[in-house]
Full PDB file with SEQRES, HELIX, SHEET, SSBOND, CRYST1, ORIGX, SCALE, CONECT and MASTER records, all heavy atoms in Angstrom:
SEQRES   1 A   46  ASN ASP LYS LEU ASN ALA ARG ILE LEU LEU ILE LYS THR          
SEQRES   2 A   46  CYS VAL ALA LEU CYS PRO LEU VAL GLY LEU LEU GLY THR          
SEQRES   3 A   46  VAL THR GLY MET ILE THR VAL PHE GLU ILE MET ALA VAL          
SEQRES   4 A   46  GLN GLY THR GLY ASN PRO ARG                                  
HELIX    1 AA1 ASP A    2  ASN A    5  1                                   4    
HELIX    2 AA2 ILE A    8  GLN A   40  1                                  33    
CRYST1    1.000    1.000    1.000  90.00  90.00  90.00 P 1           1          
ORIGX1      1.000000  0.000000  0.000000        0.00000                         
ORIGX2      0.000000  1.000000  0.000000        0.00000                         
ORIGX3      0.000000  0.000000  1.000000        0.00000                         
SCALE1      1.000000  0.000000  0.000000        0.00000                         
SCALE2      0.000000  1.000000  0.000000        0.00000                         
SCALE3      0.000000  0.000000  1.000000        0.00000                         
ATOM      1  N   ASN A   1     136.033 -60.442  71.366  1.00  0.00           N  
ATOM      2  CA  ASN A   1     136.934 -59.647  72.192  1.00  0.00           C  
ATOM      3  C   ASN A   1     136.170 -58.932  73.302  1.00  0.00           C  
ATOM      4  O   ASN A   1     136.645 -58.860  74.446  1.00  0.00           O  
ATOM      5  CB  ASN A   1     137.685 -58.648  71.320  1.00  0.00           C  
ATOM      6  CG  ASN A   1     138.769 -57.933  72.076  1.00  0.00           C  
ATOM      7  OD1 ASN A   1     139.530 -58.539  72.828  1.00  0.00           O  
ATOM      8  ND2 ASN A   1     138.848 -56.632  71.884  1.00  0.00           N  
ATOM      9  N   ASP A   2     135.002 -58.406  72.980  1.00  0.00           N  
ATOM     10  CA  ASP A   2     134.175 -57.760  74.003  1.00  0.00           C  
ATOM     11  C   ASP A   2     133.777 -58.743  75.096  1.00  0.00           C  
ATOM     12  O   ASP A   2     133.797 -58.411  76.283  1.00  0.00           O  
ATOM     13  CB  ASP A   2     132.921 -57.147  73.379  1.00  0.00           C  
ATOM     14  CG  ASP A   2     133.214 -55.888  72.587  1.00  0.00           C  
ATOM     15  OD1 ASP A   2     134.337 -55.348  72.705  1.00  0.00           O  
ATOM     16  OD2 ASP A   2     132.313 -55.447  71.838  1.00  0.00           O  
ATOM     17  N   LYS A   3     133.409 -59.947  74.697  1.00  0.00           N  
ATOM     18  CA  LYS A   3     133.039 -60.964  75.690  1.00  0.00           C  
ATOM     19  C   LYS A   3     134.245 -61.370  76.527  1.00  0.00           C  
ATOM     20  O   LYS A   3     134.119 -61.607  77.729  1.00  0.00           O  
ATOM     21  CB  LYS A   3     132.436 -62.182  74.995  1.00  0.00           C  
ATOM     22  CG  LYS A   3     131.066 -61.905  74.419  1.00  0.00           C  
ATOM     23  CD  LYS A   3     130.527 -63.096  73.662  1.00  0.00           C  
ATOM     24  CE  LYS A   3     129.196 -62.761  73.018  1.00  0.00           C  
ATOM     25  NZ  LYS A   3     128.684 -63.823  72.176  1.00  0.00           N  
ATOM     26  N   LEU A   4     135.410 -61.468  75.891  1.00  0.00           N  
ATOM     27  CA  LEU A   4     136.613 -61.844  76.623  1.00  0.00           C  
ATOM     28  C   LEU A   4     137.016 -60.775  77.637  1.00  0.00           C  
ATOM     29  O   LEU A   4     137.441 -61.091  78.752  1.00  0.00           O  
ATOM     30  CB  LEU A   4     137.777 -62.082  75.657  1.00  0.00           C  
ATOM     31  CG  LEU A   4     137.792 -63.393  74.903  1.00  0.00           C  
ATOM     32  CD1 LEU A   4     138.834 -63.361  73.806  1.00  0.00           C  
ATOM     33  CD2 LEU A   4     138.057 -64.551  75.855  1.00  0.00           C  
ATOM     34  N   ASN A   5     136.905 -59.511  77.255  1.00  0.00           N  
ATOM     35  CA  ASN A   5     137.360 -58.418  78.117  1.00  0.00           C  
ATOM     36  C   ASN A   5     136.301 -57.908  79.086  1.00  0.00           C  
ATOM     37  O   ASN A   5     136.568 -56.952  79.819  1.00  0.00           O  
ATOM     38  CB  ASN A   5     137.869 -57.261  77.254  1.00  0.00           C  
ATOM     39  CG  ASN A   5     139.229 -57.563  76.689  1.00  0.00           C  
ATOM     40  OD1 ASN A   5     140.144 -57.930  77.413  1.00  0.00           O  
ATOM     41  ND2 ASN A   5     139.366 -57.430  75.382  1.00  0.00           N  
ATOM     42  N   ALA A   6     135.137 -58.533  79.093  1.00  0.00           N  
ATOM     43  CA  ALA A   6     134.087 -58.101  80.020  1.00  0.00           C  
ATOM     44  C   ALA A   6     134.590 -58.244  81.458  1.00  0.00           C  
ATOM     45  O   ALA A   6     135.200 -59.246  81.820  1.00  0.00           O  
ATOM     46  CB  ALA A   6     132.830 -58.947  79.816  1.00  0.00           C  
ATOM     47  N   ARG A   7     134.396 -57.230  82.239  1.00  0.00           N  
ATOM     48  CA  ARG A   7     134.726 -57.181  83.665  1.00  0.00           C  
ATOM     49  C   ARG A   7     136.222 -57.139  83.982  1.00  0.00           C  
ATOM     50  O   ARG A   7     136.594 -57.128  85.143  1.00  0.00           O  
ATOM     51  CB  ARG A   7     134.040 -58.308  84.421  1.00  0.00           C  
ATOM     52  CG  ARG A   7     132.527 -58.107  84.458  1.00  0.00           C  
ATOM     53  CD  ARG A   7     131.810 -59.212  85.156  1.00  0.00           C  
ATOM     54  NE  ARG A   7     131.549 -60.378  84.349  1.00  0.00           N  
ATOM     55  CZ  ARG A   7     130.718 -60.458  83.323  1.00  0.00           C  
ATOM     56  NH1 ARG A   7     130.079 -59.415  82.934  1.00  0.00           N  
ATOM     57  NH2 ARG A   7     130.524 -61.577  82.679  1.00  0.00           N  
ATOM     58  N   ILE A   8     137.083 -57.128  82.983  1.00  0.00           N  
ATOM     59  CA  ILE A   8     138.521 -57.023  83.255  1.00  0.00           C  
ATOM     60  C   ILE A   8     138.833 -55.661  83.872  1.00  0.00           C  
ATOM     61  O   ILE A   8     139.602 -55.564  84.836  1.00  0.00           O  
ATOM     62  CB  ILE A   8     139.354 -57.250  81.962  1.00  0.00           C  
ATOM     63  CG1 ILE A   8     139.175 -58.680  81.453  1.00  0.00           C  
ATOM     64  CG2 ILE A   8     140.817 -56.928  82.191  1.00  0.00           C  
ATOM     65  CD1 ILE A   8     139.798 -59.749  82.300  1.00  0.00           C  
ATOM     66  N   LEU A   9     138.232 -54.609  83.339  1.00  0.00           N  
ATOM     67  CA  LEU A   9     138.461 -53.274  83.887  1.00  0.00           C  
ATOM     68  C   LEU A   9     137.958 -53.176  85.324  1.00  0.00           C  
ATOM     69  O   LEU A   9     138.604 -52.552  86.173  1.00  0.00           O  
ATOM     70  CB  LEU A   9     137.788 -52.215  83.005  1.00  0.00           C  
ATOM     71  CG  LEU A   9     138.041 -50.762  83.403  1.00  0.00           C  
ATOM     72  CD1 LEU A   9     139.535 -50.443  83.344  1.00  0.00           C  
ATOM     73  CD2 LEU A   9     137.259 -49.830  82.500  1.00  0.00           C  
ATOM     74  N   LEU A  10     136.835 -53.810  85.620  1.00  0.00           N  
ATOM     75  CA  LEU A  10     136.308 -53.811  86.979  1.00  0.00           C  
ATOM     76  C   LEU A  10     137.249 -54.558  87.927  1.00  0.00           C  
ATOM     77  O   LEU A  10     137.464 -54.129  89.068  1.00  0.00           O  
ATOM     78  CB  LEU A  10     134.906 -54.426  87.003  1.00  0.00           C  
ATOM     79  CG  LEU A  10     134.147 -54.362  88.317  1.00  0.00           C  
ATOM     80  CD1 LEU A  10     134.016 -52.929  88.812  1.00  0.00           C  
ATOM     81  CD2 LEU A  10     132.771 -54.989  88.154  1.00  0.00           C  
ATOM     82  N   ILE A  11     137.830 -55.652  87.465  1.00  0.00           N  
ATOM     83  CA  ILE A  11     138.792 -56.394  88.280  1.00  0.00           C  
ATOM     84  C   ILE A  11     140.011 -55.516  88.570  1.00  0.00           C  
ATOM     85  O   ILE A  11     140.478 -55.432  89.716  1.00  0.00           O  
ATOM     86  CB  ILE A  11     139.196 -57.709  87.581  1.00  0.00           C  
ATOM     87  CG1 ILE A  11     138.024 -58.683  87.567  1.00  0.00           C  
ATOM     88  CG2 ILE A  11     140.409 -58.337  88.257  1.00  0.00           C  
ATOM     89  CD1 ILE A  11     138.226 -59.894  86.678  1.00  0.00           C  
ATOM     90  N   LYS A  12     140.531 -54.848  87.542  1.00  0.00           N  
ATOM     91  CA  LYS A  12     141.689 -53.983  87.731  1.00  0.00           C  
ATOM     92  C   LYS A  12     141.363 -52.817  88.665  1.00  0.00           C  
ATOM     93  O   LYS A  12     142.206 -52.382  89.454  1.00  0.00           O  
ATOM     94  CB  LYS A  12     142.192 -53.477  86.379  1.00  0.00           C  
ATOM     95  CG  LYS A  12     142.806 -54.581  85.536  1.00  0.00           C  
ATOM     96  CD  LYS A  12     143.015 -54.171  84.109  1.00  0.00           C  
ATOM     97  CE  LYS A  12     144.270 -53.366  83.933  1.00  0.00           C  
ATOM     98  NZ  LYS A  12     144.547 -53.076  82.517  1.00  0.00           N  
ATOM     99  N   THR A  13     140.128 -52.335  88.585  1.00  0.00           N  
ATOM    100  CA  THR A  13     139.701 -51.262  89.481  1.00  0.00           C  
ATOM    101  C   THR A  13     139.662 -51.752  90.929  1.00  0.00           C  
ATOM    102  O   THR A  13     140.088 -51.039  91.845  1.00  0.00           O  
ATOM    103  CB  THR A  13     138.323 -50.726  89.058  1.00  0.00           C  
ATOM    104  OG1 THR A  13     138.401 -50.268  87.717  1.00  0.00           O  
ATOM    105  CG2 THR A  13     137.861 -49.605  89.960  1.00  0.00           C  
ATOM    106  N   CYS A  14     139.174 -52.958  91.148  1.00  0.00           N  
ATOM    107  CA  CYS A  14     139.157 -53.523  92.497  1.00  0.00           C  
ATOM    108  C   CYS A  14     140.576 -53.693  93.041  1.00  0.00           C  
ATOM    109  O   CYS A  14     140.831 -53.424  94.221  1.00  0.00           O  
ATOM    110  CB  CYS A  14     138.426 -54.864  92.519  1.00  0.00           C  
ATOM    111  SG  CYS A  14     136.645 -54.738  92.335  1.00  0.00           S  
ATOM    112  N   VAL A  15     141.497 -54.136  92.181  1.00  0.00           N  
ATOM    113  CA  VAL A  15     142.892 -54.284  92.603  1.00  0.00           C  
ATOM    114  C   VAL A  15     143.443 -52.924  93.032  1.00  0.00           C  
ATOM    115  O   VAL A  15     144.125 -52.810  94.054  1.00  0.00           O  
ATOM    116  CB  VAL A  15     143.748 -54.900  91.476  1.00  0.00           C  
ATOM    117  CG1 VAL A  15     145.220 -54.811  91.790  1.00  0.00           C  
ATOM    118  CG2 VAL A  15     143.357 -56.358  91.243  1.00  0.00           C  
ATOM    119  N   ALA A  16     143.159 -51.893  92.256  1.00  0.00           N  
ATOM    120  CA  ALA A  16     143.655 -50.557  92.588  1.00  0.00           C  
ATOM    121  C   ALA A  16     142.941 -49.960  93.791  1.00  0.00           C  
ATOM    122  O   ALA A  16     143.512 -49.135  94.516  1.00  0.00           O  
ATOM    123  CB  ALA A  16     143.496 -49.636  91.381  1.00  0.00           C  
ATOM    124  N   LEU A  17     141.715 -50.369  94.036  1.00  0.00           N  
ATOM    125  CA  LEU A  17     140.917 -49.815  95.119  1.00  0.00           C  
ATOM    126  C   LEU A  17     141.335 -50.354  96.488  1.00  0.00           C  
ATOM    127  O   LEU A  17     141.214 -49.637  97.490  1.00  0.00           O  
ATOM    128  CB  LEU A  17     139.442 -50.119  94.859  1.00  0.00           C  
ATOM    129  CG  LEU A  17     138.402 -49.286  95.557  1.00  0.00           C  
ATOM    130  CD1 LEU A  17     138.569 -47.832  95.164  1.00  0.00           C  
ATOM    131  CD2 LEU A  17     137.018 -49.778  95.178  1.00  0.00           C  
ATOM    132  N   CYS A  18     141.827 -51.586  96.534  1.00  0.00           N  
ATOM    133  CA  CYS A  18     142.188 -52.205  97.821  1.00  0.00           C  
ATOM    134  C   CYS A  18     143.178 -51.366  98.640  1.00  0.00           C  
ATOM    135  O   CYS A  18     142.921 -51.094  99.815  1.00  0.00           O  
ATOM    136  CB  CYS A  18     142.723 -53.617  97.600  1.00  0.00           C  
ATOM    137  SG  CYS A  18     141.447 -54.819  97.239  1.00  0.00           S  
ATOM    138  N   PRO A  19     144.323 -50.935  98.076  1.00  0.00           N  
ATOM    139  CA  PRO A  19     145.226 -50.123  98.898  1.00  0.00           C  
ATOM    140  C   PRO A  19     144.632 -48.770  99.281  1.00  0.00           C  
ATOM    141  O   PRO A  19     144.917 -48.249 100.360  1.00  0.00           O  
ATOM    142  CB  PRO A  19     146.467 -49.922  98.022  1.00  0.00           C  
ATOM    143  CG  PRO A  19     146.316 -50.777  96.852  1.00  0.00           C  
ATOM    144  CD  PRO A  19     144.907 -51.243  96.781  1.00  0.00           C  
ATOM    145  N   LEU A  20     143.781 -48.222  98.409  1.00  0.00           N  
ATOM    146  CA  LEU A  20     143.165 -46.934  98.733  1.00  0.00           C  
ATOM    147  C   LEU A  20     142.200 -47.060  99.905  1.00  0.00           C  
ATOM    148  O   LEU A  20     142.144 -46.174 100.770  1.00  0.00           O  
ATOM    149  CB  LEU A  20     142.459 -46.369  97.505  1.00  0.00           C  
ATOM    150  CG  LEU A  20     143.372 -46.029  96.328  1.00  0.00           C  
ATOM    151  CD1 LEU A  20     142.551 -45.574  95.141  1.00  0.00           C  
ATOM    152  CD2 LEU A  20     144.383 -44.986  96.725  1.00  0.00           C  
ATOM    153  N   VAL A  21     141.455 -48.139  99.952  1.00  0.00           N  
ATOM    154  CA  VAL A  21     140.567 -48.367 101.094  1.00  0.00           C  
ATOM    155  C   VAL A  21     141.411 -48.597 102.352  1.00  0.00           C  
ATOM    156  O   VAL A  21     141.048 -48.134 103.441  1.00  0.00           O  
ATOM    157  CB  VAL A  21     139.616 -49.555 100.822  1.00  0.00           C  
ATOM    158  CG1 VAL A  21     138.808 -49.900 102.049  1.00  0.00           C  
ATOM    159  CG2 VAL A  21     138.691 -49.232  99.664  1.00  0.00           C  
ATOM    160  N   GLY A  22     142.543 -49.299 102.197  1.00  0.00           N  
ATOM    161  CA  GLY A  22     143.451 -49.467 103.329  1.00  0.00           C  
ATOM    162  C   GLY A  22     143.961 -48.135 103.845  1.00  0.00           C  
ATOM    163  O   GLY A  22     144.070 -47.914 105.057  1.00  0.00           O  
ATOM    164  N   LEU A  23     144.257 -47.217 102.941  1.00  0.00           N  
ATOM    165  CA  LEU A  23     144.697 -45.878 103.361  1.00  0.00           C  
ATOM    166  C   LEU A  23     143.579 -45.122 104.060  1.00  0.00           C  
ATOM    167  O   LEU A  23     143.844 -44.326 104.971  1.00  0.00           O  
ATOM    168  CB  LEU A  23     145.216 -45.098 102.167  1.00  0.00           C  
ATOM    169  CG  LEU A  23     146.575 -45.549 101.646  1.00  0.00           C  
ATOM    170  CD1 LEU A  23     146.922 -44.793 100.370  1.00  0.00           C  
ATOM    171  CD2 LEU A  23     147.652 -45.364 102.693  1.00  0.00           C  
ATOM    172  N   LEU A  24     142.350 -45.365 103.642  1.00  0.00           N  
ATOM    173  CA  LEU A  24     141.223 -44.779 104.360  1.00  0.00           C  
ATOM    174  C   LEU A  24     141.226 -45.263 105.807  1.00  0.00           C  
ATOM    175  O   LEU A  24     140.969 -44.491 106.733  1.00  0.00           O  
ATOM    176  CB  LEU A  24     139.904 -45.137 103.668  1.00  0.00           C  
ATOM    177  CG  LEU A  24     138.631 -44.702 104.382  1.00  0.00           C  
ATOM    178  CD1 LEU A  24     138.522 -43.185 104.393  1.00  0.00           C  
ATOM    179  CD2 LEU A  24     137.414 -45.325 103.717  1.00  0.00           C  
ATOM    180  N   GLY A  25     141.544 -46.542 105.998  1.00  0.00           N  
ATOM    181  CA  GLY A  25     141.657 -47.079 107.351  1.00  0.00           C  
ATOM    182  C   GLY A  25     142.774 -46.414 108.128  1.00  0.00           C  
ATOM    183  O   GLY A  25     142.657 -46.192 109.342  1.00  0.00           O  
ATOM    184  N   THR A  26     143.870 -46.082 107.454  1.00  0.00           N  
ATOM    185  CA  THR A  26     144.966 -45.376 108.110  1.00  0.00           C  
ATOM    186  C   THR A  26     144.505 -44.009 108.593  1.00  0.00           C  
ATOM    187  O   THR A  26     144.785 -43.607 109.723  1.00  0.00           O  
ATOM    188  CB  THR A  26     146.153 -45.216 107.141  1.00  0.00           C  
ATOM    189  OG1 THR A  26     146.593 -46.500 106.750  1.00  0.00           O  
ATOM    190  CG2 THR A  26     147.285 -44.449 107.772  1.00  0.00           C  
ATOM    191  N   VAL A  27     143.781 -43.306 107.749  1.00  0.00           N  
ATOM    192  CA  VAL A  27     143.299 -41.972 108.132  1.00  0.00           C  
ATOM    193  C   VAL A  27     142.341 -42.061 109.303  1.00  0.00           C  
ATOM    194  O   VAL A  27     142.459 -41.308 110.280  1.00  0.00           O  
ATOM    195  CB  VAL A  27     142.638 -41.278 106.911  1.00  0.00           C  
ATOM    196  CG1 VAL A  27     141.931 -40.004 107.326  1.00  0.00           C  
ATOM    197  CG2 VAL A  27     143.673 -41.005 105.842  1.00  0.00           C  
ATOM    198  N   THR A  28     141.394 -42.998 109.255  1.00  0.00           N  
ATOM    199  CA  THR A  28     140.439 -43.112 110.368  1.00  0.00           C  
ATOM    200  C   THR A  28     141.139 -43.553 111.649  1.00  0.00           C  
ATOM    201  O   THR A  28     140.788 -43.100 112.741  1.00  0.00           O  
ATOM    202  CB  THR A  28     139.295 -44.082 110.023  1.00  0.00           C  
ATOM    203  OG1 THR A  28     139.837 -45.362 109.709  1.00  0.00           O  
ATOM    204  CG2 THR A  28     138.467 -43.566 108.869  1.00  0.00           C  
ATOM    205  N   GLY A  29     142.142 -44.418 111.530  1.00  0.00           N  
ATOM    206  CA  GLY A  29     142.904 -44.832 112.718  1.00  0.00           C  
ATOM    207  C   GLY A  29     143.688 -43.684 113.315  1.00  0.00           C  
ATOM    208  O   GLY A  29     143.766 -43.531 114.549  1.00  0.00           O  
ATOM    209  N   MET A  30     144.274 -42.851 112.471  1.00  0.00           N  
ATOM    210  CA  MET A  30     145.030 -41.696 112.991  1.00  0.00           C  
ATOM    211  C   MET A  30     144.087 -40.679 113.622  1.00  0.00           C  
ATOM    212  O   MET A  30     144.446 -40.038 114.619  1.00  0.00           O  
ATOM    213  CB  MET A  30     145.854 -41.059 111.866  1.00  0.00           C  
ATOM    214  CG  MET A  30     147.000 -41.933 111.381  1.00  0.00           C  
ATOM    215  SD  MET A  30     148.053 -42.600 112.694  1.00  0.00           S  
ATOM    216  CE  MET A  30     148.803 -41.123 113.329  1.00  0.00           C  
ATOM    217  N   ILE A  31     142.898 -40.537 113.070  1.00  0.00           N  
ATOM    218  CA  ILE A  31     141.911 -39.647 113.700  1.00  0.00           C  
ATOM    219  C   ILE A  31     141.577 -40.163 115.095  1.00  0.00           C  
ATOM    220  O   ILE A  31     141.470 -39.393 116.051  1.00  0.00           O  
ATOM    221  CB  ILE A  31     140.651 -39.524 112.812  1.00  0.00           C  
ATOM    222  CG1 ILE A  31     140.973 -38.703 111.571  1.00  0.00           C  
ATOM    223  CG2 ILE A  31     139.486 -38.916 113.582  1.00  0.00           C  
ATOM    224  CD1 ILE A  31     139.878 -38.698 110.528  1.00  0.00           C  
ATOM    225  N   THR A  32     141.452 -41.484 115.220  1.00  0.00           N  
ATOM    226  CA  THR A  32     141.198 -42.082 116.530  1.00  0.00           C  
ATOM    227  C   THR A  32     142.338 -41.774 117.488  1.00  0.00           C  
ATOM    228  O   THR A  32     142.112 -41.436 118.660  1.00  0.00           O  
ATOM    229  CB  THR A  32     141.009 -43.608 116.393  1.00  0.00           C  
ATOM    230  OG1 THR A  32     139.950 -43.857 115.478  1.00  0.00           O  
ATOM    231  CG2 THR A  32     140.703 -44.248 117.723  1.00  0.00           C  
ATOM    232  N   VAL A  33     143.583 -41.883 117.020  1.00  0.00           N  
ATOM    233  CA  VAL A  33     144.745 -41.578 117.866  1.00  0.00           C  
ATOM    234  C   VAL A  33     144.697 -40.127 118.316  1.00  0.00           C  
ATOM    235  O   VAL A  33     144.918 -39.823 119.501  1.00  0.00           O  
ATOM    236  CB  VAL A  33     146.072 -41.875 117.113  1.00  0.00           C  
ATOM    237  CG1 VAL A  33     147.266 -41.330 117.870  1.00  0.00           C  
ATOM    238  CG2 VAL A  33     146.230 -43.361 116.886  1.00  0.00           C  
ATOM    239  N   PHE A  34     144.392 -39.222 117.387  1.00  0.00           N  
ATOM    240  CA  PHE A  34     144.353 -37.806 117.748  1.00  0.00           C  
ATOM    241  C   PHE A  34     143.208 -37.507 118.713  1.00  0.00           C  
ATOM    242  O   PHE A  34     143.359 -36.651 119.600  1.00  0.00           O  
ATOM    243  CB  PHE A  34     144.266 -36.929 116.503  1.00  0.00           C  
ATOM    244  CG  PHE A  34     145.509 -36.982 115.662  1.00  0.00           C  
ATOM    245  CD1 PHE A  34     145.420 -37.073 114.288  1.00  0.00           C  
ATOM    246  CD2 PHE A  34     146.772 -36.951 116.244  1.00  0.00           C  
ATOM    247  CE1 PHE A  34     146.571 -37.128 113.514  1.00  0.00           C  
ATOM    248  CE2 PHE A  34     147.924 -37.002 115.476  1.00  0.00           C  
ATOM    249  CZ  PHE A  34     147.821 -37.085 114.101  1.00  0.00           C  
ATOM    250  N   GLU A  35     142.081 -38.197 118.563  1.00  0.00           N  
ATOM    251  CA  GLU A  35     140.979 -38.011 119.513  1.00  0.00           C  
ATOM    252  C   GLU A  35     141.387 -38.465 120.901  1.00  0.00           C  
ATOM    253  O   GLU A  35     141.087 -37.802 121.897  1.00  0.00           O  
ATOM    254  CB  GLU A  35     139.747 -38.785 119.048  1.00  0.00           C  
ATOM    255  CG  GLU A  35     139.003 -38.156 117.901  1.00  0.00           C  
ATOM    256  CD  GLU A  35     137.833 -39.014 117.430  1.00  0.00           C  
ATOM    257  OE1 GLU A  35     137.673 -40.159 117.913  1.00  0.00           O  
ATOM    258  OE2 GLU A  35     137.084 -38.527 116.564  1.00  0.00           O  
ATOM    259  N   ILE A  36     142.081 -39.606 120.967  1.00  0.00           N  
ATOM    260  CA  ILE A  36     142.540 -40.116 122.262  1.00  0.00           C  
ATOM    261  C   ILE A  36     143.527 -39.139 122.888  1.00  0.00           C  
ATOM    262  O   ILE A  36     143.474 -38.854 124.095  1.00  0.00           O  
ATOM    263  CB  ILE A  36     143.164 -41.521 122.096  1.00  0.00           C  
ATOM    264  CG1 ILE A  36     142.074 -42.532 121.757  1.00  0.00           C  
ATOM    265  CG2 ILE A  36     143.917 -41.941 123.350  1.00  0.00           C  
ATOM    266  CD1 ILE A  36     142.601 -43.885 121.315  1.00  0.00           C  
ATOM    267  N   MET A  37     144.437 -38.620 122.070  1.00  0.00           N  
ATOM    268  CA  MET A  37     145.402 -37.660 122.588  1.00  0.00           C  
ATOM    269  C   MET A  37     144.711 -36.386 123.082  1.00  0.00           C  
ATOM    270  O   MET A  37     145.129 -35.791 124.078  1.00  0.00           O  
ATOM    271  CB  MET A  37     146.431 -37.316 121.503  1.00  0.00           C  
ATOM    272  CG  MET A  37     147.399 -38.451 121.232  1.00  0.00           C  
ATOM    273  SD  MET A  37     148.482 -38.159 119.816  1.00  0.00           S  
ATOM    274  CE  MET A  37     149.394 -36.726 120.334  1.00  0.00           C  
ATOM    275  N   ALA A  38     143.650 -35.969 122.396  1.00  0.00           N  
ATOM    276  CA  ALA A  38     142.941 -34.762 122.803  1.00  0.00           C  
ATOM    277  C   ALA A  38     142.202 -34.960 124.111  1.00  0.00           C  
ATOM    278  O   ALA A  38     142.160 -34.064 124.952  1.00  0.00           O  
ATOM    279  CB  ALA A  38     141.965 -34.332 121.715  1.00  0.00           C  
ATOM    280  N   VAL A  39     141.647 -36.144 124.303  1.00  0.00           N  
ATOM    281  CA  VAL A  39     140.853 -36.401 125.506  1.00  0.00           C  
ATOM    282  C   VAL A  39     141.736 -36.841 126.678  1.00  0.00           C  
ATOM    283  O   VAL A  39     141.635 -36.327 127.783  1.00  0.00           O  
ATOM    284  CB  VAL A  39     139.775 -37.473 125.210  1.00  0.00           C  
ATOM    285  CG1 VAL A  39     139.042 -37.887 126.472  1.00  0.00           C  
ATOM    286  CG2 VAL A  39     138.791 -36.950 124.177  1.00  0.00           C  
ATOM    287  N   GLN A  40     142.639 -37.802 126.432  1.00  0.00           N  
ATOM    288  CA  GLN A  40     143.432 -38.411 127.495  1.00  0.00           C  
ATOM    289  C   GLN A  40     144.820 -37.788 127.659  1.00  0.00           C  
ATOM    290  O   GLN A  40     145.476 -38.028 128.647  1.00  0.00           O  
ATOM    291  CB  GLN A  40     143.617 -39.905 127.225  1.00  0.00           C  
ATOM    292  CG  GLN A  40     142.346 -40.688 127.091  1.00  0.00           C  
ATOM    293  CD  GLN A  40     141.688 -40.961 128.422  1.00  0.00           C  
ATOM    294  OE1 GLN A  40     142.368 -41.092 129.436  1.00  0.00           O  
ATOM    295  NE2 GLN A  40     140.367 -41.008 128.444  1.00  0.00           N  
ATOM    296  N   GLY A  41     145.267 -37.097 126.650  1.00  0.00           N  
ATOM    297  CA  GLY A  41     146.646 -36.622 126.653  1.00  0.00           C  
ATOM    298  C   GLY A  41     147.548 -37.719 126.111  1.00  0.00           C  
ATOM    299  O   GLY A  41     147.090 -38.746 125.622  1.00  0.00           O  
ATOM    300  N   THR A  42     148.834 -37.498 126.209  1.00  0.00           N  
ATOM    301  CA  THR A  42     149.777 -38.498 125.694  1.00  0.00           C  
ATOM    302  C   THR A  42     150.228 -39.452 126.781  1.00  0.00           C  
ATOM    303  O   THR A  42     151.160 -40.220 126.589  1.00  0.00           O  
ATOM    304  CB  THR A  42     151.005 -37.795 125.088  1.00  0.00           C  
ATOM    305  OG1 THR A  42     151.608 -36.973 126.087  1.00  0.00           O  
ATOM    306  CG2 THR A  42     150.611 -36.974 123.882  1.00  0.00           C  
ATOM    307  N   GLY A  43     149.569 -39.431 127.925  1.00  0.00           N  
ATOM    308  CA  GLY A  43     150.001 -40.258 129.053  1.00  0.00           C  
ATOM    309  C   GLY A  43     149.514 -41.688 129.018  1.00  0.00           C  
ATOM    310  O   GLY A  43     149.921 -42.483 129.869  1.00  0.00           O  
ATOM    311  N   ASN A  44     148.635 -42.047 128.100  1.00  0.00           N  
ATOM    312  CA  ASN A  44     148.112 -43.415 128.057  1.00  0.00           C  
ATOM    313  C   ASN A  44     148.563 -44.093 126.761  1.00  0.00           C  
ATOM    314  O   ASN A  44     147.844 -44.080 125.755  1.00  0.00           O  
ATOM    315  CB  ASN A  44     146.587 -43.390 128.155  1.00  0.00           C  
ATOM    316  CG  ASN A  44     146.021 -44.764 128.467  1.00  0.00           C  
ATOM    317  OD1 ASN A  44     146.680 -45.781 128.243  1.00  0.00           O  
ATOM    318  ND2 ASN A  44     144.800 -44.786 128.972  1.00  0.00           N  
ATOM    319  N   PRO A  45     149.736 -44.731 126.788  1.00  0.00           N  
ATOM    320  CA  PRO A  45     150.250 -45.346 125.555  1.00  0.00           C  
ATOM    321  C   PRO A  45     149.419 -46.537 125.077  1.00  0.00           C  
ATOM    322  O   PRO A  45     149.393 -46.842 123.892  1.00  0.00           O  
ATOM    323  CB  PRO A  45     151.672 -45.777 125.925  1.00  0.00           C  
ATOM    324  CG  PRO A  45     151.730 -45.774 127.401  1.00  0.00           C  
ATOM    325  CD  PRO A  45     150.664 -44.849 127.889  1.00  0.00           C  
ATOM    326  N   ARG A  46     148.733 -47.214 125.983  1.00  0.00           N  
ATOM    327  CA  ARG A  46     147.929 -48.370 125.570  1.00  0.00           C  
ATOM    328  C   ARG A  46     146.792 -47.953 124.646  1.00  0.00           C  
ATOM    329  O   ARG A  46     146.523 -48.589 123.632  1.00  0.00           O  
ATOM    330  CB  ARG A  46     147.382 -49.089 126.794  1.00  0.00           C  
ATOM    331  CG  ARG A  46     146.585 -50.333 126.436  1.00  0.00           C  
ATOM    332  CD  ARG A  46     146.283 -51.129 127.627  1.00  0.00           C  
ATOM    333  NE  ARG A  46     147.571 -51.593 128.136  1.00  0.00           N  
ATOM    334  CZ  ARG A  46     147.738 -52.622 128.923  1.00  0.00           C  
ATOM    335  NH1 ARG A  46     146.717 -53.291 129.327  1.00  0.00           N  
ATOM    336  NH2 ARG A  46     148.915 -52.981 129.345  1.00  0.00           N  
TER     337      ARG A  46                                                      
MASTER        0    0    0    2    0    0    0    6  336    1    0    4          
END                                                                             
């Protein structure tokens, strides 16, 4: 049973980690948006 279940928890952790890392990307992207707004204002939609 130990041999069968080896690395299963690590696999499940990776599955759970993927959306969390994606959310980290959301936070860093929003920080980028706020930096652009602070420097350029809201006049440059591109």
